């Protein structure tokens, strides 16, 4: 089992944080500060150039931080860069200098156009970043699922399969996960990944998922107190399984069922194969 789980970790780790720019611990404040710093740099460059040579489209230098912010930090910092860039251009580079007043109507149009261009570029850059991040996420999930299916096929016990399944779920979504093997009313095997403990409402929600054979969403009536989404897995023999994933309510993926259903199918296949082999004792969880 240790060798299989080591292979699973190798499948998971290379893609981790592949699209991180500031790293997973970077706060929103740091992203806005980075955007602010880029506008300061662009302003210094623009003022320096303007003091030596007259360039008609000097305002376009403020579009560069907007693009970088949209690709690297998200929509909010990119929009912030667009607003700040228009204000900086008005304050430092239009007459009267060092004032937000504008004497020349042409400069009003220039500032307005800079702001609109910044908004458009911000949206395009953010959309491109999101699509690139989605591609990376899907590629990472494909690697995890490929390794998971291979390791389940090679597993020699139910406990190994359940443990691998729990690791795969946690790796797919980078959130806490649980896998329970249930026989009748008893939980005979429980594996957890991540910092989490199942409470009574969550155990009841998991049993409800198995009883009804349907997905039970956490935080939704009648399971408002449950943090987990649960998926039932029907297997041969007397034991069935239930998969639980504790999504962050503010960061729930759009279509988690697609990947989870693949895991359900592989787990059911693995449990069926183990059921067809000579019986192994699985001690009930205390």
C-alpha atoms as a PDB file:
ATOM      1  CA  UNK A   1       0.000   0.000   0.000  1.00  0.00           C
ATOM      2  CA  UNK A   2       2.838   2.397   0.791  1.00  0.00           C
ATOM      3  CA  UNK A   3       4.279   1.969  -2.700  1.00  0.00           C
ATOM      4  CA  UNK A   4       0.945   2.628  -4.388  1.00  0.00           C
ATOM      5  CA  UNK A   5       0.271   5.732  -2.276  1.00  0.00           C
ATOM      6  CA  UNK A   6       3.774   7.018  -3.059  1.00  0.00           C
ATOM      7  CA  UNK A   7       2.972   6.705  -6.772  1.00  0.00           C
ATOM      8  CA  UNK A   8      -0.278   8.554  -6.172  1.00  0.00           C
ATOM      9  CA  UNK A   9       1.590  11.454  -4.571  1.00  0.00           C
ATOM     10  CA  UNK A  10       3.960  11.590  -7.542  1.00  0.00           C
ATOM     11  CA  UNK A  11       0.986  11.890  -9.892  1.00  0.00           C
ATOM     12  CA  UNK A  12      -0.492  14.706  -7.824  1.00  0.00           C
ATOM     13  CA  UNK A  13       2.474  16.873  -6.822  1.00  0.00           C
ATOM     14  CA  UNK A  14       4.038  17.986 -10.146  1.00  0.00           C
ATOM     15  CA  UNK A  15       0.999  19.976 -11.237  1.00  0.00           C
ATOM     16  CA  UNK A  16       0.343  21.643  -7.908  1.00  0.00           C
ATOM     17  CA  UNK A  17       0.220  25.414  -8.104  1.00  0.00           C
ATOM     18  CA  UNK A  18       1.076  25.329 -11.796  1.00  0.00           C
ATOM     19  CA  UNK A  19      -0.835  28.536 -12.441  1.00  0.00           C
ATOM     20  CA  UNK A  20       0.049  30.376  -9.248  1.00  0.00           C
ATOM     21  CA  UNK A  21       1.725  33.731  -9.717  1.00  0.00           C
ATOM     22  CA  UNK A  22       1.952  35.044  -6.197  1.00  0.00           C
ATOM     23  CA  UNK A  23       1.446  31.609  -4.645  1.00  0.00           C
ATOM     24  CA  UNK A  24      -1.618  30.138  -2.908  1.00  0.00           C
ATOM     25  CA  UNK A  25      -0.993  32.128   0.282  1.00  0.00           C
ATOM     26  CA  UNK A  26      -1.000  35.478  -1.463  1.00  0.00           C
ATOM     27  CA  UNK A  27      -3.761  37.703  -0.142  1.00  0.00           C
ATOM     28  CA  UNK A  28      -6.032  39.964  -2.123  1.00  0.00           C
ATOM     29  CA  UNK A  29      -4.292  42.962  -0.587  1.00  0.00           C
ATOM     30  CA  UNK A  30      -0.943  41.894  -2.044  1.00  0.00           C
ATOM     31  CA  UNK A  31      -2.478  41.634  -5.496  1.00  0.00           C
ATOM     32  CA  UNK A  32      -3.853  45.156  -5.273  1.00  0.00           C
ATOM     33  CA  UNK A  33      -0.539  46.435  -3.927  1.00  0.00           C
ATOM     34  CA  UNK A  34       1.261  44.821  -6.857  1.00  0.00           C
ATOM     35  CA  UNK A  35      -1.181  46.492  -9.255  1.00  0.00           C
ATOM     36  CA  UNK A  36      -0.621  49.827  -7.523  1.00  0.00           C
ATOM     37  CA  UNK A  37       3.163  49.394  -7.783  1.00  0.00           C
ATOM     38  CA  UNK A  38       2.893  48.749 -11.529  1.00  0.00           C
ATOM     39  CA  UNK A  39       0.858  51.926 -12.015  1.00  0.00           C
ATOM     40  CA  UNK A  40       3.455  53.895 -10.038  1.00  0.00           C
ATOM     41  CA  UNK A  41       6.184  52.485 -12.282  1.00  0.00           C
ATOM     42  CA  UNK A  42       4.182  53.243 -15.446  1.00  0.00           C
ATOM     43  CA  UNK A  43       3.555  56.797 -14.205  1.00  0.00           C
ATOM     44  CA  UNK A  44       7.253  57.351 -13.507  1.00  0.00           C
ATOM     45  CA  UNK A  45       8.135  56.075 -16.973  1.00  0.00           C
ATOM     46  CA  UNK A  46       5.468  58.222 -18.644  1.00  0.00           C
ATOM     47  CA  UNK A  47       6.513  61.375 -16.789  1.00  0.00           C
ATOM     48  CA  UNK A  48      10.159  60.701 -17.610  1.00  0.00           C
ATOM     49  CA  UNK A  49       9.428  60.197 -21.303  1.00  0.00           C
ATOM     50  CA  UNK A  50       7.110  63.215 -21.435  1.00  0.00           C
ATOM     51  CA  UNK A  51       9.831  65.455 -19.986  1.00  0.00           C
ATOM     52  CA  UNK A  52      12.177  64.600 -22.862  1.00  0.00           C
ATOM     53  CA  UNK A  53       9.994  63.957 -25.920  1.00  0.00           C
ATOM     54  CA  UNK A  54       6.405  64.537 -26.984  1.00  0.00           C
ATOM     55  CA  UNK A  55       4.535  61.312 -27.752  1.00  0.00           C
ATOM     56  CA  UNK A  56       0.871  61.583 -28.841  1.00  0.00           C
ATOM     57  CA  UNK A  57      -0.233  58.214 -27.452  1.00  0.00           C
ATOM     58  CA  UNK A  58       1.713  58.244 -24.197  1.00  0.00           C
ATOM     59  CA  UNK A  59      -1.439  57.259 -22.309  1.00  0.00           C
ATOM     60  CA  UNK A  60      -1.187  53.739 -23.750  1.00  0.00           C
ATOM     61  CA  UNK A  61       1.670  53.008 -21.356  1.00  0.00           C
ATOM     62  CA  UNK A  62      -0.979  52.707 -18.642  1.00  0.00           C
ATOM     63  CA  UNK A  63      -2.628  49.827 -20.513  1.00  0.00           C
ATOM     64  CA  UNK A  64       0.368  47.577 -19.824  1.00  0.00           C
ATOM     65  CA  UNK A  65      -0.256  47.266 -16.049  1.00  0.00           C
ATOM     66  CA  UNK A  66      -3.912  46.537 -16.773  1.00  0.00           C
ATOM     67  CA  UNK A  67      -2.958  43.608 -19.017  1.00  0.00           C
ATOM     68  CA  UNK A  68      -0.452  42.225 -16.519  1.00  0.00           C
ATOM     69  CA  UNK A  69      -2.914  42.557 -13.634  1.00  0.00           C
ATOM     70  CA  UNK A  70      -5.682  40.875 -15.622  1.00  0.00           C
ATOM     71  CA  UNK A  71      -3.480  37.924 -16.548  1.00  0.00           C
ATOM     72  CA  UNK A  72      -1.781  37.560 -13.182  1.00  0.00           C
ATOM     73  CA  UNK A  73      -3.949  38.870 -10.369  1.00  0.00           C
ATOM     74  CA  UNK A  74      -7.578  38.719 -11.435  1.00  0.00           C
ATOM     75  CA  UNK A  75     -10.413  40.975 -12.506  1.00  0.00           C
ATOM     76  CA  UNK A  76     -10.506  43.178  -9.393  1.00  0.00           C
ATOM     77  CA  UNK A  77      -6.838  44.257  -9.472  1.00  0.00           C
ATOM     78  CA  UNK A  78      -7.070  44.710 -13.250  1.00  0.00           C
ATOM     79  CA  UNK A  79     -10.082  47.010 -12.928  1.00  0.00           C
ATOM     80  CA  UNK A  80      -8.257  48.841 -10.133  1.00  0.00           C
ATOM     81  CA  UNK A  81      -5.294  49.347 -12.481  1.00  0.00           C
ATOM     82  CA  UNK A  82      -7.581  50.750 -15.204  1.00  0.00           C
ATOM     83  CA  UNK A  83      -9.129  53.320 -12.848  1.00  0.00           C
ATOM     84  CA  UNK A  84      -5.827  54.252 -11.240  1.00  0.00           C
ATOM     85  CA  UNK A  85      -4.112  54.539 -14.619  1.00  0.00           C
ATOM     86  CA  UNK A  86      -6.726  56.973 -15.927  1.00  0.00           C
ATOM     87  CA  UNK A  87      -6.435  59.088 -12.770  1.00  0.00           C
ATOM     88  CA  UNK A  88      -2.623  59.063 -12.894  1.00  0.00           C
ATOM     89  CA  UNK A  89      -2.636  60.130 -16.551  1.00  0.00           C
ATOM     90  CA  UNK A  90      -5.029  62.965 -15.725  1.00  0.00           C
ATOM     91  CA  UNK A  91      -3.116  64.122 -12.645  1.00  0.00           C
ATOM     92  CA  UNK A  92       0.456  63.976 -13.952  1.00  0.00           C
ATOM     93  CA  UNK A  93       0.243  64.324 -17.731  1.00  0.00           C
ATOM     94  CA  UNK A  94      -2.642  66.645 -18.644  1.00  0.00           C
ATOM     95  CA  UNK A  95      -2.971  70.370 -18.126  1.00  0.00           C
ATOM     96  CA  UNK A  96      -3.289  71.722 -15.505  1.00  0.00           C
ATOM     97  CA  UNK A  97      -0.660  69.391 -14.030  1.00  0.00           C
ATOM     98  CA  UNK A  98      -1.072  67.930 -10.544  1.00  0.00           C
ATOM     99  CA  UNK A  99      -4.803  68.482 -10.611  1.00  0.00           C
ATOM    100  CA  UNK A 100      -7.781  66.370 -11.605  1.00  0.00           C
ATOM    101  CA  UNK A 101      -9.223  69.330 -13.508  1.00  0.00           C
ATOM    102  CA  UNK A 102      -9.004  69.175 -17.308  1.00  0.00           C
ATOM    103  CA  UNK A 103      -8.809  72.327 -19.449  1.00  0.00           C
ATOM    104  CA  UNK A 104      -8.612  70.766 -22.899  1.00  0.00           C
ATOM    105  CA  UNK A 105     -11.666  68.851 -24.127  1.00  0.00           C
ATOM    106  CA  UNK A 106      -9.356  66.598 -26.145  1.00  0.00           C
ATOM    107  CA  UNK A 107      -7.733  65.458 -22.914  1.00  0.00           C
ATOM    108  CA  UNK A 108     -11.143  64.580 -21.507  1.00  0.00           C
ATOM    109  CA  UNK A 109     -11.690  62.288 -24.472  1.00  0.00           C
ATOM    110  CA  UNK A 110      -8.189  60.845 -24.046  1.00  0.00           C
ATOM    111  CA  UNK A 111      -8.780  60.081 -20.370  1.00  0.00           C
ATOM    112  CA  UNK A 112     -12.180  58.580 -21.089  1.00  0.00           C
ATOM    113  CA  UNK A 113     -10.792  56.476 -23.927  1.00  0.00           C
ATOM    114  CA  UNK A 114      -7.928  55.299 -21.718  1.00  0.00           C
ATOM    115  CA  UNK A 115     -10.417  54.222 -19.073  1.00  0.00           C
ATOM    116  CA  UNK A 116     -12.624  52.362 -21.592  1.00  0.00           C
ATOM    117  CA  UNK A 117      -9.631  50.662 -23.188  1.00  0.00           C
ATOM    118  CA  UNK A 118      -8.450  49.680 -19.723  1.00  0.00           C
ATOM    119  CA  UNK A 119     -11.814  48.102 -18.895  1.00  0.00           C
ATOM    120  CA  UNK A 120     -11.965  46.177 -22.172  1.00  0.00           C
ATOM    121  CA  UNK A 121      -8.386  44.961 -21.873  1.00  0.00           C
ATOM    122  CA  UNK A 122      -9.014  44.069 -18.235  1.00  0.00           C
ATOM    123  CA  UNK A 123     -11.963  41.852 -19.156  1.00  0.00           C
ATOM    124  CA  UNK A 124     -10.146  40.185 -22.052  1.00  0.00           C
ATOM    125  CA  UNK A 125      -7.010  39.539 -20.006  1.00  0.00           C
ATOM    126  CA  UNK A 126      -8.992  38.127 -17.097  1.00  0.00           C
ATOM    127  CA  UNK A 127     -11.001  35.836 -19.395  1.00  0.00           C
ATOM    128  CA  UNK A 128      -7.787  34.576 -20.998  1.00  0.00           C
ATOM    129  CA  UNK A 129      -6.320  33.925 -17.562  1.00  0.00           C
ATOM    130  CA  UNK A 130      -9.418  32.020 -16.467  1.00  0.00           C
ATOM    131  CA  UNK A 131      -9.359  29.832 -19.558  1.00  0.00           C
ATOM    132  CA  UNK A 132      -5.669  29.099 -19.114  1.00  0.00           C
ATOM    133  CA  UNK A 133      -6.254  28.240 -15.455  1.00  0.00           C
ATOM    134  CA  UNK A 134      -9.128  25.949 -16.436  1.00  0.00           C
ATOM    135  CA  UNK A 135      -6.906  24.128 -18.927  1.00  0.00           C
ATOM    136  CA  UNK A 136      -4.259  23.626 -16.236  1.00  0.00           C
ATOM    137  CA  UNK A 137      -6.891  22.404 -13.772  1.00  0.00           C
ATOM    138  CA  UNK A 138      -8.364  19.917 -16.247  1.00  0.00           C
ATOM    139  CA  UNK A 139      -4.913  18.636 -17.173  1.00  0.00           C
ATOM    140  CA  UNK A 140      -4.076  18.189 -13.506  1.00  0.00           C
ATOM    141  CA  UNK A 141      -7.324  16.349 -12.855  1.00  0.00           C
ATOM    142  CA  UNK A 142      -6.678  14.066 -15.830  1.00  0.00           C
ATOM    143  CA  UNK A 143      -3.263  13.164 -14.400  1.00  0.00           C
ATOM    144  CA  UNK A 144      -4.775  12.465 -10.972  1.00  0.00           C
ATOM    145  CA  UNK A 145      -7.577  10.310 -12.412  1.00  0.00           C
ATOM    146  CA  UNK A 146      -5.173   8.381 -14.622  1.00  0.00           C
ATOM    147  CA  UNK A 147      -2.905   7.595 -11.678  1.00  0.00           C
ATOM    148  CA  UNK A 148      -5.873   6.779  -9.465  1.00  0.00           C
ATOM    149  CA  UNK A 149      -7.357   4.278 -11.921  1.00  0.00           C
ATOM    150  CA  UNK A 150      -3.969   2.607 -12.377  1.00  0.00           C
ATOM    151  CA  UNK A 151      -3.379   2.315  -8.626  1.00  0.00           C
ATOM    152  CA  UNK A 152      -6.874   0.992  -7.887  1.00  0.00           C
ATOM    153  CA  UNK A 153      -6.354  -1.734 -10.482  1.00  0.00           C
ATOM    154  CA  UNK A 154      -3.113  -2.707  -8.730  1.00  0.00           C
ATOM    155  CA  UNK A 155      -4.487  -2.462  -5.165  1.00  0.00           C
ATOM    156  CA  UNK A 156      -4.679  -5.662  -3.120  1.00  0.00           C
ATOM    157  CA  UNK A 157      -7.157  -4.666  -0.413  1.00  0.00           C
ATOM    158  CA  UNK A 158     -10.334  -2.704   0.152  1.00  0.00           C
ATOM    159  CA  UNK A 159      -8.565  -0.447   2.636  1.00  0.00           C
ATOM    160  CA  UNK A 160      -5.966   0.505   0.025  1.00  0.00           C
ATOM    161  CA  UNK A 161      -8.660   1.321  -2.526  1.00  0.00           C
ATOM    162  CA  UNK A 162     -10.610   3.470  -0.059  1.00  0.00           C
ATOM    163  CA  UNK A 163      -7.447   5.307   0.985  1.00  0.00           C
ATOM    164  CA  UNK A 164      -6.466   5.971  -2.644  1.00  0.00           C
ATOM    165  CA  UNK A 165      -9.962   7.222  -3.390  1.00  0.00           C
ATOM    166  CA  UNK A 166      -9.835   9.686  -0.524  1.00  0.00           C
ATOM    167  CA  UNK A 167      -6.446  10.994  -1.662  1.00  0.00           C
ATOM    168  CA  UNK A 168      -7.685  11.351  -5.241  1.00  0.00           C
ATOM    169  CA  UNK A 169     -10.749  13.364  -4.219  1.00  0.00           C
ATOM    170  CA  UNK A 170      -8.668  15.712  -2.078  1.00  0.00           C
ATOM    171  CA  UNK A 171      -6.155  16.151  -4.915  1.00  0.00           C
ATOM    172  CA  UNK A 172      -8.815  16.800  -7.568  1.00  0.00           C
ATOM    173  CA  UNK A 173     -10.329  19.751  -5.727  1.00  0.00           C
ATOM    174  CA  UNK A 174      -7.698  20.661  -3.123  1.00  0.00           C
ATOM    175  CA  UNK A 175     -10.246  20.454  -0.300  1.00  0.00           C
ATOM    176  CA  UNK A 176     -10.898  18.031   2.588  1.00  0.00           C
ATOM    177  CA  UNK A 177     -12.472  14.728   1.569  1.00  0.00           C
ATOM    178  CA  UNK A 178     -13.782  11.573   3.216  1.00  0.00           C
ATOM    179  CA  UNK A 179     -14.644   8.108   1.950  1.00  0.00           C
ATOM    180  CA  UNK A 180     -16.809   5.792   4.013  1.00  0.00           C
ATOM    181  CA  UNK A 181     -17.431   2.095   3.463  1.00  0.00           C
ATOM    182  CA  UNK A 182     -20.792   1.175   4.932  1.00  0.00           C
ATOM    183  CA  UNK A 183     -22.350  -2.211   5.621  1.00  0.00           C
ATOM    184  CA  UNK A 184     -25.949  -1.979   6.741  1.00  0.00           C
ATOM    185  CA  UNK A 185     -26.002   0.805   9.325  1.00  0.00           C
ATOM    186  CA  UNK A 186     -22.335   0.456  10.284  1.00  0.00           C
ATOM    187  CA  UNK A 187     -19.397   2.454   8.964  1.00  0.00           C
ATOM    188  CA  UNK A 188     -16.806  -0.307   8.599  1.00  0.00           C
ATOM    189  CA  UNK A 189     -14.064   1.825   7.070  1.00  0.00           C
ATOM    190  CA  UNK A 190     -13.475   5.575   7.128  1.00  0.00           C
ATOM    191  CA  UNK A 191     -10.647   7.440   5.401  1.00  0.00           C
ATOM    192  CA  UNK A 192     -10.098  11.212   5.677  1.00  0.00           C
ATOM    193  CA  UNK A 193      -7.876  13.658   3.834  1.00  0.00           C
ATOM    194  CA  UNK A 194      -7.410  17.213   5.013  1.00  0.00           C
ATOM    195  CA  UNK A 195      -8.159  18.910   8.285  1.00  0.00           C
ATOM    196  CA  UNK A 196     -11.714  17.813   8.957  1.00  0.00           C
ATOM    197  CA  UNK A 197     -13.882  15.859  11.368  1.00  0.00           C
ATOM    198  CA  UNK A 198     -17.314  14.518  10.511  1.00  0.00           C
ATOM    199  CA  UNK A 199     -20.092  15.781  12.750  1.00  0.00           C
ATOM    200  CA  UNK A 200     -23.411  14.067  13.393  1.00  0.00           C
ATOM    201  CA  UNK A 201     -25.328  16.114  10.767  1.00  0.00           C
ATOM    202  CA  UNK A 202     -22.762  15.083   8.167  1.00  0.00           C
ATOM    203  CA  UNK A 203     -22.980  11.408   9.085  1.00  0.00           C
ATOM    204  CA  UNK A 204     -26.751  11.642   8.750  1.00  0.00           C
ATOM    205  CA  UNK A 205     -26.399  13.332   5.365  1.00  0.00           C
ATOM    206  CA  UNK A 206     -24.014  10.586   4.223  1.00  0.00           C
ATOM    207  CA  UNK A 207     -26.502   7.889   5.244  1.00  0.00           C
ATOM    208  CA  UNK A 208     -29.281   9.775   3.486  1.00  0.00           C
ATOM    209  CA  UNK A 209     -27.209   9.801   0.310  1.00  0.00           C
ATOM    210  CA  UNK A 210     -26.772   6.016   0.477  1.00  0.00           C
ATOM    211  CA  UNK A 211     -30.420   5.406   1.341  1.00  0.00           C
ATOM    212  CA  UNK A 212     -31.819   7.523  -1.478  1.00  0.00           C
ATOM    213  CA  UNK A 213     -29.040   6.748  -3.949  1.00  0.00           C
ATOM    214  CA  UNK A 214     -28.748  10.442  -4.777  1.00  0.00           C
ATOM    215  CA  UNK A 215     -26.304  13.303  -4.282  1.00  0.00           C
ATOM    216  CA  UNK A 216     -26.742  15.288  -1.074  1.00  0.00           C
ATOM    217  CA  UNK A 217     -25.440  18.851  -1.140  1.00  0.00           C
ATOM    218  CA  UNK A 218     -23.987  20.437   1.967  1.00  0.00           C
ATOM    219  CA  UNK A 219     -25.540  23.630   3.256  1.00  0.00           C
ATOM    220  CA  UNK A 220     -28.793  22.947   1.423  1.00  0.00           C
ATOM    221  CA  UNK A 221     -32.094  22.046   3.110  1.00  0.00           C
ATOM    222  CA  UNK A 222     -32.580  19.634   4.820  1.00  0.00           C
ATOM    223  CA  UNK A 223     -28.813  19.260   5.370  1.00  0.00           C
ATOM    224  CA  UNK A 224     -28.025  22.881   6.153  1.00  0.00           C
ATOM    225  CA  UNK A 225     -25.600  21.975   8.966  1.00  0.00           C
ATOM    226  CA  UNK A 226     -23.525  19.684   6.739  1.00  0.00           C
ATOM    227  CA  UNK A 227     -20.325  21.070   5.180  1.00  0.00           C
ATOM    228  CA  UNK A 228     -19.931  18.121   2.800  1.00  0.00           C
ATOM    229  CA  UNK A 229     -21.421  17.150  -0.525  1.00  0.00           C
ATOM    230  CA  UNK A 230     -21.993  13.378  -0.565  1.00  0.00           C
ATOM    231  CA  UNK A 231     -22.140  10.962  -3.496  1.00  0.00           C
ATOM    232  CA  UNK A 232     -23.292   7.331  -3.060  1.00  0.00           C
ATOM    233  CA  UNK A 233     -21.399   4.437  -4.618  1.00  0.00           C
ATOM    234  CA  UNK A 234     -23.221   1.144  -5.152  1.00  0.00           C
ATOM    235  CA  UNK A 235     -20.932  -1.882  -5.092  1.00  0.00           C
ATOM    236  CA  UNK A 236     -21.282  -5.639  -5.166  1.00  0.00           C
ATOM    237  CA  UNK A 237     -21.786  -7.482  -1.896  1.00  0.00           C
ATOM    238  CA  UNK A 238     -23.072  -6.090   1.368  1.00  0.00           C
ATOM    239  CA  UNK A 239     -20.854  -2.994   1.458  1.00  0.00           C
ATOM    240  CA  UNK A 240     -21.478   0.303  -0.282  1.00  0.00           C
ATOM    241  CA  UNK A 241     -19.505   3.509  -0.150  1.00  0.00           C
ATOM    242  CA  UNK A 242     -20.142   7.226   0.094  1.00  0.00           C
ATOM    243  CA  UNK A 243     -17.811   9.991  -1.036  1.00  0.00           C
ATOM    244  CA  UNK A 244     -17.749  13.312   0.820  1.00  0.00           C
ATOM    245  CA  UNK A 245     -16.106  16.561  -0.285  1.00  0.00           C
ATOM    246  CA  UNK A 246     -16.047  19.744   1.820  1.00  0.00           C
ATOM    247  CA  UNK A 247     -16.130  22.521  -0.771  1.00  0.00           C
ATOM    248  CA  UNK A 248     -15.593  26.123   0.213  1.00  0.00           C
ATOM    249  CA  UNK A 249     -19.051  27.694  -0.384  1.00  0.00           C
ATOM    250  CA  UNK A 250     -17.393  30.692  -2.056  1.00  0.00           C
ATOM    251  CA  UNK A 251     -15.146  28.599  -4.308  1.00  0.00           C
ATOM    252  CA  UNK A 252     -17.315  25.666  -5.318  1.00  0.00           C
ATOM    253  CA  UNK A 253     -16.320  24.408  -8.789  1.00  0.00           C
ATOM    254  CA  UNK A 254     -18.897  24.737 -11.537  1.00  0.00           C
ATOM    255  CA  UNK A 255     -19.218  21.030 -12.437  1.00  0.00           C
ATOM    256  CA  UNK A 256     -17.659  18.821  -9.757  1.00  0.00           C
ATOM    257  CA  UNK A 257     -19.933  15.898 -10.628  1.00  0.00           C
ATOM    258  CA  UNK A 258     -18.013  15.195 -13.845  1.00  0.00           C
ATOM    259  CA  UNK A 259     -14.776  14.259 -12.063  1.00  0.00           C
ATOM    260  CA  UNK A 260     -16.513  12.748  -9.033  1.00  0.00           C
ATOM    261  CA  UNK A 261     -18.562  10.413 -11.238  1.00  0.00           C
ATOM    262  CA  UNK A 262     -15.331   9.089 -12.757  1.00  0.00           C
ATOM    263  CA  UNK A 263     -14.031   8.400  -9.247  1.00  0.00           C
ATOM    264  CA  UNK A 264     -17.328   6.716  -8.329  1.00  0.00           C
ATOM    265  CA  UNK A 265     -17.098   4.395 -11.317  1.00  0.00           C
ATOM    266  CA  UNK A 266     -13.481   3.460 -10.613  1.00  0.00           C
ATOM    267  CA  UNK A 267     -14.195   2.899  -6.907  1.00  0.00           C
ATOM    268  CA  UNK A 268     -17.212   0.695  -7.678  1.00  0.00           C
ATOM    269  CA  UNK A 269     -15.110  -1.339 -10.112  1.00  0.00           C
ATOM    270  CA  UNK A 270     -12.317  -1.708  -7.560  1.00  0.00           C
ATOM    271  CA  UNK A 271     -14.697  -2.803  -4.799  1.00  0.00           C
ATOM    272  CA  UNK A 272     -16.372  -5.294  -7.141  1.00  0.00           C
ATOM    273  CA  UNK A 273     -12.978  -6.791  -8.010  1.00  0.00           C
ATOM    274  CA  UNK A 274     -12.100  -7.109  -4.332  1.00  0.00           C
ATOM    275  CA  UNK A 275     -15.483  -8.707  -3.637  1.00  0.00           C
ATOM    276  CA  UNK A 276     -14.738 -11.344  -6.268  1.00  0.00           C
ATOM    277  CA  UNK A 277     -11.461 -12.221  -4.544  1.00  0.00           C
ATOM    278  CA  UNK A 278     -11.088 -14.242  -1.320  1.00  0.00           C
ATOM    279  CA  UNK A 279     -12.692 -12.407   1.614  1.00  0.00           C
ATOM    280  CA  UNK A 280     -10.527 -10.055   3.632  1.00  0.00           C
ATOM    281  CA  UNK A 281     -11.564  -8.948   7.055  1.00  0.00           C
ATOM    282  CA  UNK A 282     -12.307  -5.245   7.444  1.00  0.00           C
ATOM    283  CA  UNK A 283     -12.666  -4.149  11.037  1.00  0.00           C
ATOM    284  CA  UNK A 284     -15.606  -1.798  11.788  1.00  0.00           C
ATOM    285  CA  UNK A 285     -14.663   1.751  12.739  1.00  0.00           C
ATOM    286  CA  UNK A 286     -15.052   2.463  16.428  1.00  0.00           C
END
